[in-house]
Amino acid sequence: MRARCWPSTTKTTCPKPKRDVSDVAIVGGGLSGLLTAWRLLDVNRDANVTVYEAKDEIGGDHTWSFNDSDIPEALRDWLAPFVRHSWDRYDVKFSDRERTLEIGYRSGDSETLRAAIAPLRDTGRLHVQTGQSVEPKDIHAGVVIDARGFEARDDTFLGYQKFVGRTIKTEQPHGVVHPVIMDATVEQIDGYRFLYLLPFSETEMLVEDTYFSDTPHLSENEIGARIDNYIAEKGWSDHRVIRNEKGVLPMTTATDRDDDAVEIGLRGGLVVSATGFTVPHAVETADVVAQAYKRGEAEAVGPAIRALKRRHYKREQYARLLNRMFFHAGEPEKRYVILQRFYGLNEGLVRRFYRNALTPWDKMRILFGKPPVPVTRALYNFSEKAFIRRQRRLTPAERER
């Protein structure tokens, strides 16, 4: 029988439905939410988790890639079921530099993510509810983790990585042997533009047109036409499209965020600021949550996430500085010069950069030398606090100019 709502003298009120789970609830069935559920249940065999996803299916329809060295060695075997493709090197290409880096590269996707957690669903320890939007405050559980994805905030200032990708199947071998993570020899449009190639087989490949841009606006038709032109120029016209994807990822330039919300993933700002990569921090978060639960069950999870976020915002200070140099000190059409210079540095430094493990000398080496941006603009954007004060005086439209 449906519950009835009775009018009071002032208004009609209905109690909000509460959803009960015994241990952990995660609102948001994307990468970070599902990796966290998976790791928590793998480490804690007596726990159970419910994931709430507003869409009809968990995991979305995405491809995620990362450097092998971005993941702690102790967690690589655990993450292996998520990985569909592996390469031992990748290329970068610029107008004045081409280079192969001997850095292992991995790629997983929504299907492998769903397959990795399927055994947990089969045991009944992982419950999934889809197709209904819920608010964390409406859920009763030992702890409720908000993993619903990116939300703009007044205390965080951003550039954006945005992309449209097509997985194509060619009639003849396409000839790309290992990933090209940046082909910036293309026309520079809307900030820094590059093509990203992931060869899944001799005849199957992801072709992604990517932009490091000042705005999140994404025109699929325009970018799709550019992808078609690129494919034609490479001689891959005899192909069919077997999958499409798109995305917009935040790249933080400055923040004075200080909140106690139990949020993870893009929602919690747990992303690699200088690259937009999400897998490394999603894996770190998953293990932090799992180990916290192991120490003190559900009541230990919230404090562990809050502490992780505080550490993350502090250790990302240098990455945010680089983003201010990139998005605010350089001319948009010349931003490729910054990356072209960076990829001429020592391979060990590049590896440490992606792992967010730069030494003091690494940081000096990146900033010093012939500057790829005007010195006066670099100095103007150096202070994060001053940058935030200036940005708060601007309207949203002025910030995007």
Foldseek 3Di string as FASTA:
>chain_A
DDDDWDADPPGTDDDFAEAEDEFEEEEAQELLRLLLQLLQCVLPVPAAYEYEEQAPDGHPWDKAKAWPLLAPPVCCVVCVLQWDDKDQWEWEADPPDIDIFRIIMTMGTSVSSCVSCVVVVVVVRYHYHYNHHDDQVRYDYLYYAYAHAADDDLFFAWWKKKKKKWKKFFPFFLPDDAKHQFHQHDQQDQFGWGWTWGDPDRGIIMIMIIHRHLDQDDDCVVVVVVSQVVCVVSPRNRIDTDDIDIDMATQTQFGPDQDQHNYDFNHLVQAQNQPSRGVSSSNVLSNQQSVQCVVPGSVRNSVSSNVVSVVRNVLNLLSSLVVCCQHFFADRSQSVVLVVVVVVDDSVLVSCSSSSNHDPVSSCVSCDDDHSGDPVRSVVSRDNVNVSVVVVVDDPVVSSD
